[in-house]
PDB file of N, CA and C in Angstrom:
ATOM      1  N   MET A   1    -221.712   3.900  90.641  1.00  0.00           N
ATOM      2  CA  MET A   1    -221.249   2.633  89.931  1.00  0.00           C
ATOM      3  C   MET A   1    -221.805   2.903  88.469  1.00  0.00           C
ATOM      4  N   THR A   2    -221.056   2.493  87.497  1.00  0.00           N
ATOM      5  CA  THR A   2    -221.400   2.479  86.119  1.00  0.00           C
ATOM      6  C   THR A   2    -221.255   1.021  85.592  1.00  0.00           C
ATOM      7  N   LYS A   3    -221.976   0.839  84.545  1.00  0.00           N
ATOM      8  CA  LYS A   3    -221.836  -0.645  83.949  1.00  0.00           C
ATOM      9  C   LYS A   3    -220.807  -0.471  82.933  1.00  0.00           C
ATOM     10  N   TYR A   4    -220.050  -1.592  82.868  1.00  0.00           N
ATOM     11  CA  TYR A   4    -218.910  -1.701  81.976  1.00  0.00           C
ATOM     12  C   TYR A   4    -218.653  -3.247  81.593  1.00  0.00           C
ATOM     13  N   ASN A   5    -218.943  -3.665  80.412  1.00  0.00           N
ATOM     14  CA  ASN A   5    -218.871  -4.964  79.880  1.00  0.00           C
ATOM     15  C   ASN A   5    -219.677  -5.897  80.786  1.00  0.00           C
ATOM     16  N   GLY A   6    -220.818  -5.378  81.206  1.00  0.00           N
ATOM     17  CA  GLY A   6    -221.878  -6.256  82.073  1.00  0.00           C
ATOM     18  C   GLY A   6    -221.503  -6.282  83.418  1.00  0.00           C
ATOM     19  N   LYS A   7    -220.379  -5.635  83.895  1.00  0.00           N
ATOM     20  CA  LYS A   7    -219.999  -5.673  85.254  1.00  0.00           C
ATOM     21  C   LYS A   7    -219.963  -4.220  85.756  1.00  0.00           C
ATOM     22  N   GLU A   8    -220.343  -4.050  87.094  1.00  0.00           N
ATOM     23  CA  GLU A   8    -220.378  -2.766  87.639  1.00  0.00           C
ATOM     24  C   GLU A   8    -218.887  -2.460  88.023  1.00  0.00           C
ATOM     25  N   ARG A   9    -218.614  -1.183  87.536  1.00  0.00           N
ATOM     26  CA  ARG A   9    -217.282  -0.644  87.855  1.00  0.00           C
ATOM     27  C   ARG A   9    -217.554   0.680  88.562  1.00  0.00           C
ATOM     28  N   ARG A  10    -216.409   1.123  89.438  1.00  0.00           N
ATOM     29  CA  ARG A  10    -216.457   2.389  90.004  1.00  0.00           C
ATOM     30  C   ARG A  10    -216.237   3.499  88.989  1.00  0.00           C
ATOM     31  N   ARG A  11    -216.783   4.650  89.268  1.00  0.00           N
ATOM     32  CA  ARG A  11    -216.512   5.806  88.378  1.00  0.00           C
ATOM     33  C   ARG A  11    -215.124   6.064  88.094  1.00  0.00           C
ATOM     34  N   TRP A  12    -214.359   5.968  89.082  1.00  0.00           N
ATOM     35  CA  TRP A  12    -212.785   6.352  88.942  1.00  0.00           C
ATOM     36  C   TRP A  12    -212.047   5.446  88.055  1.00  0.00           C
ATOM     37  N   MET A  13    -212.628   4.274  87.766  1.00  0.00           N
ATOM     38  CA  MET A  13    -211.834   3.322  86.971  1.00  0.00           C
ATOM     39  C   MET A  13    -212.013   3.753  85.488  1.00  0.00           C
ATOM     40  N   VAL A  14    -210.984   3.956  84.895  1.00  0.00           N
ATOM     41  CA  VAL A  14    -211.093   4.387  83.491  1.00  0.00           C
ATOM     42  C   VAL A  14    -211.331   3.183  82.593  1.00  0.00           C
ATOM     43  N   SER A  15    -212.214   3.172  81.710  1.00  0.00           N
ATOM     44  CA  SER A  15    -212.657   2.029  80.894  1.00  0.00           C
ATOM     45  C   SER A  15    -211.688   1.551  79.916  1.00  0.00           C
ATOM     46  N   ASP A  16    -210.798   2.370  79.463  1.00  0.00           N
ATOM     47  CA  ASP A  16    -209.756   1.904  78.476  1.00  0.00           C
ATOM     48  C   ASP A  16    -208.489   1.292  79.153  1.00  0.00           C
ATOM     49  N   LYS A  17    -208.496   1.177  80.424  1.00  0.00           N
ATOM     50  CA  LYS A  17    -207.310   0.589  81.014  1.00  0.00           C
ATOM     51  C   LYS A  17    -207.740  -0.800  81.628  1.00  0.00           C
ATOM     52  N   THR A  18    -206.853  -1.676  81.657  1.00  0.00           N
ATOM     53  CA  THR A  18    -206.947  -2.935  82.070  1.00  0.00           C
ATOM     54  C   THR A  18    -206.936  -2.953  83.699  1.00  0.00           C
ATOM     55  N   ASP A  19    -207.382  -3.947  84.271  1.00  0.00           N
ATOM     56  CA  ASP A  19    -207.346  -3.984  85.775  1.00  0.00           C
ATOM     57  C   ASP A  19    -205.916  -3.998  86.200  1.00  0.00           C
ATOM     58  N   ARG A  20    -204.997  -4.531  85.490  1.00  0.00           N
ATOM     59  CA  ARG A  20    -203.597  -4.501  85.975  1.00  0.00           C
ATOM     60  C   ARG A  20    -203.032  -3.171  85.867  1.00  0.00           C
ATOM     61  N   GLU A  21    -203.410  -2.420  84.926  1.00  0.00           N
ATOM     62  CA  GLU A  21    -202.767  -0.974  84.734  1.00  0.00           C
ATOM     63  C   GLU A  21    -203.386  -0.135  85.881  1.00  0.00           C
ATOM     64  N   ILE A  22    -204.630  -0.361  86.193  1.00  0.00           N
ATOM     65  CA  ILE A  22    -205.324   0.353  87.238  1.00  0.00           C
ATOM     66  C   ILE A  22    -204.567   0.077  88.650  1.00  0.00           C
ATOM     67  N   LEU A  23    -204.322  -1.193  88.865  1.00  0.00           N
ATOM     68  CA  LEU A  23    -203.687  -1.559  90.039  1.00  0.00           C
ATOM     69  C   LEU A  23    -202.348  -0.993  90.231  1.00  0.00           C
ATOM     70  N   LEU A  24    -201.680  -1.008  89.075  1.00  0.00           N
ATOM     71  CA  LEU A  24    -200.350  -0.301  89.137  1.00  0.00           C
ATOM     72  C   LEU A  24    -200.360   1.203  89.402  1.00  0.00           C
ATOM     73  N   VAL A  25    -201.254   1.744  88.910  1.00  0.00           N
ATOM     74  CA  VAL A  25    -201.550   3.311  89.199  1.00  0.00           C
ATOM     75  C   VAL A  25    -201.809   3.442  90.733  1.00  0.00           C
ATOM     76  N   ILE A  26    -202.566   2.542  91.311  1.00  0.00           N
ATOM     77  CA  ILE A  26    -202.954   2.714  92.651  1.00  0.00           C
ATOM     78  C   ILE A  26    -201.825   2.381  93.505  1.00  0.00           C
ATOM     79  N   ALA A  27    -200.946   1.357  93.118  1.00  0.00           N
ATOM     80  CA  ALA A  27    -199.829   1.060  93.842  1.00  0.00           C
ATOM     81  C   ALA A  27    -198.834   2.134  93.802  1.00  0.00           C
ATOM     82  N   GLU A  28    -198.699   2.949  92.732  1.00  0.00           N
ATOM     83  CA  GLU A  28    -197.794   4.027  92.631  1.00  0.00           C
ATOM     84  C   GLU A  28    -198.204   5.180  93.511  1.00  0.00           C
ATOM     85  N   ARG A  29    -199.556   5.402  93.618  1.00  0.00           N
ATOM     86  CA  ARG A  29    -200.114   6.413  94.458  1.00  0.00           C
ATOM     87  C   ARG A  29    -199.788   6.057  95.938  1.00  0.00           C
ATOM     88  N   LEU A  30    -200.028   4.859  96.266  1.00  0.00           N
ATOM     89  CA  LEU A  30    -199.877   4.433  97.632  1.00  0.00           C
ATOM     90  C   LEU A  30    -198.362   4.578  98.003  1.00  0.00           C
ATOM     91  N   GLU A  31    -197.500   4.231  97.086  1.00  0.00           N
ATOM     92  CA  GLU A  31    -196.042   4.385  97.445  1.00  0.00           C
ATOM     93  C   GLU A  31    -195.704   5.790  97.622  1.00  0.00           C
ATOM     94  N   ASN A  32    -196.327   6.683  96.775  1.00  0.00           N
ATOM     95  CA  ASN A  32    -196.085   8.249  96.958  1.00  0.00           C
ATOM     96  C   ASN A  32    -196.498   8.634  98.401  1.00  0.00           C
ATOM     97  N   HIS A  33    -197.659   8.128  98.780  1.00  0.00           N
ATOM     98  CA  HIS A  33    -198.214   8.575 100.064  1.00  0.00           C
ATOM     99  C   HIS A  33    -197.359   8.096 101.150  1.00  0.00           C
ATOM    100  N   LEU A  34    -196.845   6.809 101.010  1.00  0.00           N
ATOM    101  CA  LEU A  34    -195.958   6.230 101.994  1.00  0.00           C
ATOM    102  C   LEU A  34    -194.677   7.026 102.095  1.00  0.00           C
ATOM    103  N   ASN A  35    -194.161   7.375 101.028  1.00  0.00           N
ATOM    104  CA  ASN A  35    -192.900   8.332 101.041  1.00  0.00           C
ATOM    105  C   ASN A  35    -193.106   9.702 101.651  1.00  0.00           C
ATOM    106  N   ASN A  36    -194.227  10.243 101.430  1.00  0.00           N
ATOM    107  CA  ASN A  36    -194.587  11.454 102.019  1.00  0.00           C
ATOM    108  C   ASN A  36    -194.642  11.304 103.483  1.00  0.00           C
ATOM    109  N   PHE A  37    -195.384  10.223 103.884  1.00  0.00           N
ATOM    110  CA  PHE A  37    -195.474   9.900 105.264  1.00  0.00           C
ATOM    111  C   PHE A  37    -194.090   9.746 106.031  1.00  0.00           C
ATOM    112  N   GLU A  38    -193.258   8.983 105.341  1.00  0.00           N
ATOM    113  CA  GLU A  38    -191.997   8.747 105.925  1.00  0.00           C
ATOM    114  C   GLU A  38    -191.151  10.068 106.082  1.00  0.00           C
ATOM    115  N   SER A  39    -191.277  10.973 105.029  1.00  0.00           N
ATOM    116  CA  SER A  39    -190.406  12.263 105.016  1.00  0.00           C
ATOM    117  C   SER A  39    -190.958  13.124 106.230  1.00  0.00           C
ATOM    118  N   HIS A  40    -192.339  13.136 106.179  1.00  0.00           N
ATOM    119  CA  HIS A  40    -192.889  13.976 107.410  1.00  0.00           C
ATOM    120  C   HIS A  40    -192.515  13.476 108.677  1.00  0.00           C
ATOM    121  N   LYS A  41    -192.568  12.059 108.891  1.00  0.00           N
ATOM    122  CA  LYS A  41    -192.155  11.402 110.189  1.00  0.00           C
ATOM    123  C   LYS A  41    -190.703  11.772 110.528  1.00  0.00           C
ATOM    124  N   THR A  42    -189.784  11.669 109.562  1.00  0.00           N
ATOM    125  CA  THR A  42    -188.319  11.947 109.742  1.00  0.00           C
ATOM    126  C   THR A  42    -188.123  13.321 110.192  1.00  0.00           C
ATOM    127  N   SER A  43    -188.855  14.287 109.544  1.00  0.00           N
ATOM    128  CA  SER A  43    -188.683  15.704 109.827  1.00  0.00           C
ATOM    129  C   SER A  43    -189.133  15.897 111.318  1.00  0.00           C
ATOM    130  N   PHE A  44    -190.331  15.252 111.646  1.00  0.00           N
ATOM    131  CA  PHE A  44    -190.879  15.481 113.015  1.00  0.00           C
ATOM    132  C   PHE A  44    -189.862  14.830 114.001  1.00  0.00           C
ATOM    133  N   ASP A  45    -189.348  13.804 113.709  1.00  0.00           N
ATOM    134  CA  ASP A  45    -188.404  13.124 114.746  1.00  0.00           C
ATOM    135  C   ASP A  45    -187.100  14.038 114.877  1.00  0.00           C
ATOM    136  N   ASN A  46    -186.688  14.571 113.750  1.00  0.00           N
ATOM    137  CA  ASN A  46    -185.476  15.459 113.793  1.00  0.00           C
ATOM    138  C   ASN A  46    -185.915  16.770 114.689  1.00  0.00           C
ATOM    139  N   HIS A  47    -187.031  17.218 114.459  1.00  0.00           N
ATOM    140  CA  HIS A  47    -187.554  18.391 115.224  1.00  0.00           C
ATOM    141  C   HIS A  47    -187.576  18.158 116.843  1.00  0.00           C
ATOM    142  N   LEU A  48    -188.039  16.794 117.082  1.00  0.00           N
ATOM    143  CA  LEU A  48    -187.979  16.499 118.575  1.00  0.00           C
ATOM    144  C   LEU A  48    -186.675  16.378 119.152  1.00  0.00           C
ATOM    145  N   LEU A  49    -185.679  15.754 118.253  1.00  0.00           N
ATOM    146  CA  LEU A  49    -184.294  15.611 118.742  1.00  0.00           C
ATOM    147  C   LEU A  49    -183.681  16.968 118.933  1.00  0.00           C
ATOM    148  N   ASP A  50    -183.909  17.961 118.168  1.00  0.00           N
ATOM    149  CA  ASP A  50    -183.388  19.316 118.233  1.00  0.00           C
ATOM    150  C   ASP A  50    -183.753  20.048 119.604  1.00  0.00           C
ATOM    151  N   ASP A  51    -185.076  19.800 119.862  1.00  0.00           N
ATOM    152  CA  ASP A  51    -185.644  20.467 120.944  1.00  0.00           C
ATOM    153  C   ASP A  51    -185.837  19.709 122.168  1.00  0.00           C
ATOM    154  N   LYS A  52    -184.905  18.613 122.297  1.00  0.00           N
ATOM    155  CA  LYS A  52    -184.915  17.776 123.543  1.00  0.00           C
ATOM    156  C   LYS A  52    -184.742  18.511 124.841  1.00  0.00           C
ATOM    157  N   LYS A  53    -183.792  19.468 124.863  1.00  0.00           N
ATOM    158  CA  LYS A  53    -183.602  20.274 126.078  1.00  0.00           C
ATOM    159  C   LYS A  53    -184.845  21.166 126.359  1.00  0.00           C
ATOM    160  N   SER A  54    -185.453  21.655 125.325  1.00  0.00           N
ATOM    161  CA  SER A  54    -186.728  22.500 125.572  1.00  0.00           C
ATOM    162  C   SER A  54    -187.766  21.575 126.173  1.00  0.00           C
ATOM    163  N   PHE A  55    -187.969  20.460 125.744  1.00  0.00           N
ATOM    164  CA  PHE A  55    -188.951  19.492 126.228  1.00  0.00           C
ATOM    165  C   PHE A  55    -188.792  19.134 127.726  1.00  0.00           C
ATOM    166  N   ALA A  56    -187.413  18.881 128.075  1.00  0.00           N
ATOM    167  CA  ALA A  56    -187.079  18.407 129.394  1.00  0.00           C
ATOM    168  C   ALA A  56    -187.447  19.668 130.381  1.00  0.00           C
ATOM    169  N   PHE A  57    -187.095  20.823 129.808  1.00  0.00           N
ATOM    170  CA  PHE A  57    -187.304  22.067 130.718  1.00  0.00           C
ATOM    171  C   PHE A  57    -188.836  22.123 130.922  1.00  0.00           C
ATOM    172  N   LEU A  58    -189.661  22.028 129.793  1.00  0.00           N
ATOM    173  CA  LEU A  58    -191.119  22.088 129.801  1.00  0.00           C
ATOM    174  C   LEU A  58    -191.649  21.097 130.870  1.00  0.00           C
ATOM    175  N   ASN A  59    -191.117  19.941 130.778  1.00  0.00           N
ATOM    176  CA  ASN A  59    -191.576  18.763 131.646  1.00  0.00           C
ATOM    177  C   ASN A  59    -191.478  19.153 133.085  1.00  0.00           C
ATOM    178  N   LYS A  60    -190.135  19.684 133.379  1.00  0.00           N
ATOM    179  CA  LYS A  60    -189.786  20.117 134.743  1.00  0.00           C
ATOM    180  C   LYS A  60    -190.831  21.256 135.228  1.00  0.00           C
ATOM    181  N   SER A  61    -191.009  22.235 134.381  1.00  0.00           N
ATOM    182  CA  SER A  61    -191.822  23.282 134.603  1.00  0.00           C
ATOM    183  C   SER A  61    -193.307  22.884 134.993  1.00  0.00           C
ATOM    184  N   VAL A  62    -193.681  21.935 134.203  1.00  0.00           N
ATOM    185  CA  VAL A  62    -195.131  21.494 134.328  1.00  0.00           C
ATOM    186  C   VAL A  62    -195.221  20.730 135.943  1.00  0.00           C
ATOM    187  N   TYR A  63    -194.188  19.937 136.195  1.00  0.00           N
ATOM    188  CA  TYR A  63    -194.125  19.348 137.513  1.00  0.00           C
ATOM    189  C   TYR A  63    -194.062  20.252 138.590  1.00  0.00           C
ATOM    190  N   ILE A  64    -193.403  21.317 138.458  1.00  0.00           N
ATOM    191  CA  ILE A  64    -193.073  22.299 139.329  1.00  0.00           C
ATOM    192  C   ILE A  64    -194.442  23.161 139.602  1.00  0.00           C
ATOM    193  N   GLY A  65    -195.179  23.381 138.502  1.00  0.00           N
ATOM    194  CA  GLY A  65    -196.467  23.998 138.643  1.00  0.00           C
ATOM    195  C   GLY A  65    -197.491  23.156 139.333  1.00  0.00           C
ATOM    196  N   MET A  66    -197.467  21.921 138.935  1.00  0.00           N
ATOM    197  CA  MET A  66    -198.389  21.021 139.566  1.00  0.00           C
ATOM    198  C   MET A  66    -198.146  20.829 141.027  1.00  0.00           C
ATOM    199  N   GLY A  67    -196.849  20.905 141.484  1.00  0.00           N
ATOM    200  CA  GLY A  67    -196.540  20.905 142.933  1.00  0.00           C
ATOM    201  C   GLY A  67    -197.060  22.109 143.635  1.00  0.00           C
ATOM    202  N   ILE A  68    -196.905  23.297 142.954  1.00  0.00           N
ATOM    203  CA  ILE A  68    -197.310  24.548 143.592  1.00  0.00           C
ATOM    204  C   ILE A  68    -198.814  24.478 143.767  1.00  0.00           C
ATOM    205  N   LEU A  69    -199.470  24.067 142.686  1.00  0.00           N
ATOM    206  CA  LEU A  69    -201.005  24.145 142.834  1.00  0.00           C
ATOM    207  C   LEU A  69    -201.420  23.080 143.871  1.00  0.00           C
ATOM    208  N   ALA A  70    -200.632  22.049 144.068  1.00  0.00           N
ATOM    209  CA  ALA A  70    -201.044  20.918 145.046  1.00  0.00           C
ATOM    210  C   ALA A  70    -200.977  21.697 146.423  1.00  0.00           C
ATOM    211  N   VAL A  71    -199.777  22.373 146.599  1.00  0.00           N
ATOM    212  CA  VAL A  71    -199.620  23.084 147.973  1.00  0.00           C
ATOM    213  C   VAL A  71    -200.682  24.048 148.212  1.00  0.00           C
ATOM    214  N   VAL A  72    -200.963  24.870 147.140  1.00  0.00           N
ATOM    215  CA  VAL A  72    -201.909  25.983 147.429  1.00  0.00           C
ATOM    216  C   VAL A  72    -203.354  25.411 147.665  1.00  0.00           C
ATOM    217  N   ASN A  73    -203.587  24.313 147.044  1.00  0.00           N
ATOM    218  CA  ASN A  73    -204.888  23.581 147.168  1.00  0.00           C
ATOM    219  C   ASN A  73    -205.011  23.140 148.558  1.00  0.00           C
ATOM    220  N   PHE A  74    -203.934  22.501 149.069  1.00  0.00           N
ATOM    221  CA  PHE A  74    -203.924  21.818 150.315  1.00  0.00           C
ATOM    222  C   PHE A  74    -204.118  23.071 151.427  1.00  0.00           C
ATOM    223  N   LEU A  75    -203.354  24.149 151.309  1.00  0.00           N
ATOM    224  CA  LEU A  75    -203.420  25.220 152.304  1.00  0.00           C
ATOM    225  C   LEU A  75    -204.872  25.871 152.262  1.00  0.00           C
ATOM    226  N   GLY A  76    -205.473  25.893 151.113  1.00  0.00           N
ATOM    227  CA  GLY A  76    -206.830  26.472 150.951  1.00  0.00           C
ATOM    228  C   GLY A  76    -207.758  25.550 151.587  1.00  0.00           C
ATOM    229  N   ILE A  77    -207.794  24.191 151.431  1.00  0.00           N
ATOM    230  CA  ILE A  77    -208.568  23.258 152.158  1.00  0.00           C
ATOM    231  C   ILE A  77    -208.318  23.311 153.706  1.00  0.00           C
ATOM    232  N   ALA A  78    -207.118  23.387 154.114  1.00  0.00           N
ATOM    233  CA  ALA A  78    -206.860  23.459 155.456  1.00  0.00           C
ATOM    234  C   ALA A  78    -207.377  24.832 156.007  1.00  0.00           C
ATOM    235  N   THR A  79    -207.426  25.835 155.307  1.00  0.00           N
ATOM    236  CA  THR A  79    -208.097  27.198 155.826  1.00  0.00           C
ATOM    237  C   THR A  79    -209.532  27.149 155.866  1.00  0.00           C
ATOM    238  N   ILE A  80    -210.133  26.371 154.925  1.00  0.00           N
ATOM    239  CA  ILE A  80    -211.673  26.277 154.934  1.00  0.00           C
ATOM    240  C   ILE A  80    -212.081  25.345 156.147  1.00  0.00           C
ATOM    241  N   ILE A  81    -211.220  24.249 156.468  1.00  0.00           N
ATOM    242  CA  ILE A  81    -211.568  23.432 157.535  1.00  0.00           C
ATOM    243  C   ILE A  81    -211.410  24.189 158.931  1.00  0.00           C
ATOM    244  N   LYS A  82    -210.354  25.040 159.054  1.00  0.00           N
ATOM    245  CA  LYS A  82    -210.262  25.909 160.248  1.00  0.00           C
ATOM    246  C   LYS A  82    -211.370  26.827 160.406  1.00  0.00           C
ATOM    247  N   ILE A  83    -211.826  27.433 159.305  1.00  0.00           N
ATOM    248  CA  ILE A  83    -213.029  28.397 159.449  1.00  0.00           C
ATOM    249  C   ILE A  83    -214.237  27.662 159.779  1.00  0.00           C
ATOM    250  N   LEU A  84    -214.527  26.521 159.307  1.00  0.00           N
ATOM    251  CA  LEU A  84    -215.709  25.727 159.567  1.00  0.00           C
ATOM    252  C   LEU A  84    -215.746  25.134 160.927  1.00  0.00           C
ATOM    253  N   LYS A  85    -214.584  25.029 161.573  1.00  0.00           N
ATOM    254  CA  LYS A  85    -214.548  24.408 162.993  1.00  0.00           C
ATOM    255  C   LYS A  85    -214.997  25.418 163.747  1.00  0.00           C
TER     256      LYS A  85
END
């Protein structure tokens, strides 16, 4: 913090600008960030729509893999129980 006209100001505030000008610059930067976010979100949404079939196939593959692991796990536990009896 630096002193400016008896008030504490943050260093990033330029002393020759009024508060209104500073707020306009901040608002413009926020608007730019929002526009960048919207464009990234739109491109990501388009990517998801293009690869919808791939994701559906991946989802089925994961469920099939989980089912196989469950069967193998069950058979392994059944074998261990038989050995211990």
